[in-house]
Amino acid sequence: MTRASRNLSAGAATLVAGLGLWLFAEGVDLPVVTPTKAGVVMMCVGGAEFLLGLYRAAWTSAGSR
């Protein structure tokens, strides 16, 4: 498994988990952090990691020409 595919899969999983928190944890109250806000942060981090995986995949395919 290449680094690009690891970044793509981890980014997609983090993005989906954050989306789940954002959509379904509306009424949950925790003393330290709001799950919906944590979901938004997770979606941003997951999206960034997914884009990094796309960049690495494009970079390695362009380098093998």
C-alpha atoms as a PDB file:
ATOM      1  CA  MET A   1       0.000   0.000   0.000  1.00  0.00           C
ATOM      2  CA  THR A   2       1.512   3.301  -1.069  1.00  0.00           C
ATOM      3  CA  ARG A   3       1.522   6.490   0.942  1.00  0.00           C
ATOM      4  CA  ALA A   4      -0.955   8.044  -1.468  1.00  0.00           C
ATOM      5  CA  SER A   5      -3.492   5.265  -1.026  1.00  0.00           C
ATOM      6  CA  ARG A   6      -3.047   5.357   2.760  1.00  0.00           C
ATOM      7  CA  ASN A   7      -3.701   9.102   2.744  1.00  0.00           C
ATOM      8  CA  LEU A   8      -6.733   8.655   0.520  1.00  0.00           C
ATOM      9  CA  SER A   9      -8.282   5.934   2.693  1.00  0.00           C
ATOM     10  CA  ALA A  10      -7.501   7.622   6.020  1.00  0.00           C
ATOM     11  CA  GLY A  11      -8.761  10.963   4.735  1.00  0.00           C
ATOM     12  CA  ALA A  12     -11.987   9.439   3.446  1.00  0.00           C
ATOM     13  CA  ALA A  13     -12.583   7.596   6.732  1.00  0.00           C
ATOM     14  CA  THR A  14     -11.934  10.734   8.790  1.00  0.00           C
ATOM     15  CA  LEU A  15     -14.187  12.788   6.546  1.00  0.00           C
ATOM     16  CA  VAL A  16     -17.039  10.260   6.843  1.00  0.00           C
ATOM     17  CA  ALA A  17     -16.633  10.013  10.629  1.00  0.00           C
ATOM     18  CA  GLY A  18     -16.701  13.804  10.922  1.00  0.00           C
ATOM     19  CA  LEU A  19     -19.760  13.966   8.699  1.00  0.00           C
ATOM     20  CA  GLY A  20     -21.474  11.434  10.960  1.00  0.00           C
ATOM     21  CA  LEU A  21     -20.704  13.496  14.044  1.00  0.00           C
ATOM     22  CA  TRP A  22     -21.873  16.674  12.368  1.00  0.00           C
ATOM     23  CA  LEU A  23     -25.151  15.157  11.214  1.00  0.00           C
ATOM     24  CA  PHE A  24     -26.145  12.903  14.102  1.00  0.00           C
ATOM     25  CA  ALA A  25     -24.626  14.343  17.296  1.00  0.00           C
ATOM     26  CA  GLU A  26     -26.753  17.481  17.455  1.00  0.00           C
ATOM     27  CA  GLY A  27     -28.337  16.942  20.875  1.00  0.00           C
ATOM     28  CA  VAL A  28     -25.306  15.506  22.688  1.00  0.00           C
ATOM     29  CA  ASP A  29     -23.802  17.759  25.358  1.00  0.00           C
ATOM     30  CA  LEU A  30     -20.247  17.116  26.513  1.00  0.00           C
ATOM     31  CA  PRO A  31     -18.471  19.328  29.050  1.00  0.00           C
ATOM     32  CA  VAL A  32     -15.349  20.029  26.976  1.00  0.00           C
ATOM     33  CA  VAL A  33     -16.234  19.976  23.281  1.00  0.00           C
ATOM     34  CA  THR A  34     -19.360  20.053  21.155  1.00  0.00           C
ATOM     35  CA  PRO A  35     -19.480  16.932  18.938  1.00  0.00           C
ATOM     36  CA  THR A  36     -20.881  18.861  15.986  1.00  0.00           C
ATOM     37  CA  LYS A  37     -17.947  21.285  16.031  1.00  0.00           C
ATOM     38  CA  ALA A  38     -15.523  18.393  16.412  1.00  0.00           C
ATOM     39  CA  GLY A  39     -17.204  16.828  13.376  1.00  0.00           C
ATOM     40  CA  VAL A  40     -16.573  19.947  11.313  1.00  0.00           C
ATOM     41  CA  VAL A  41     -12.910  19.931  12.331  1.00  0.00           C
ATOM     42  CA  MET A  42     -12.647  16.236  11.470  1.00  0.00           C
ATOM     43  CA  MET A  43     -14.204  16.871   8.066  1.00  0.00           C
ATOM     44  CA  CYS A  44     -11.664  19.621   7.362  1.00  0.00           C
ATOM     45  CA  VAL A  45      -8.732  17.448   8.425  1.00  0.00           C
ATOM     46  CA  GLY A  46     -10.074  14.461   6.490  1.00  0.00           C
ATOM     47  CA  GLY A  47     -10.591  16.564   3.385  1.00  0.00           C
ATOM     48  CA  ALA A  48      -7.068  17.948   3.621  1.00  0.00           C
ATOM     49  CA  GLU A  49      -5.614  14.454   4.021  1.00  0.00           C
ATOM     50  CA  PHE A  50      -7.685  13.197   1.087  1.00  0.00           C
ATOM     51  CA  LEU A  51      -6.395  16.058  -1.076  1.00  0.00           C
ATOM     52  CA  LEU A  52      -2.837  15.245   0.020  1.00  0.00           C
ATOM     53  CA  GLY A  53      -3.383  11.676  -1.124  1.00  0.00           C
ATOM     54  CA  LEU A  54      -4.645  12.884  -4.495  1.00  0.00           C
ATOM     55  CA  TYR A  55      -1.613  15.145  -4.831  1.00  0.00           C
ATOM     56  CA  ARG A  56       0.776  12.328  -3.973  1.00  0.00           C
ATOM     57  CA  ALA A  57      -0.939   9.982  -6.414  1.00  0.00           C
ATOM     58  CA  ALA A  58      -0.691  12.574  -9.188  1.00  0.00           C
ATOM     59  CA  TRP A  59       2.929  13.360  -8.294  1.00  0.00           C
ATOM     60  CA  THR A  60       4.030   9.723  -8.438  1.00  0.00           C
ATOM     61  CA  SER A  61       2.182   9.089 -11.705  1.00  0.00           C
ATOM     62  CA  ALA A  62       3.753  12.206 -13.252  1.00  0.00           C
ATOM     63  CA  GLY A  63       7.183  11.184 -11.980  1.00  0.00           C
ATOM     64  CA  SER A  64       7.005   7.752 -13.581  1.00  0.00           C
ATOM     65  CA  ARG A  65       6.662   9.186 -17.112  1.00  0.00           C
END
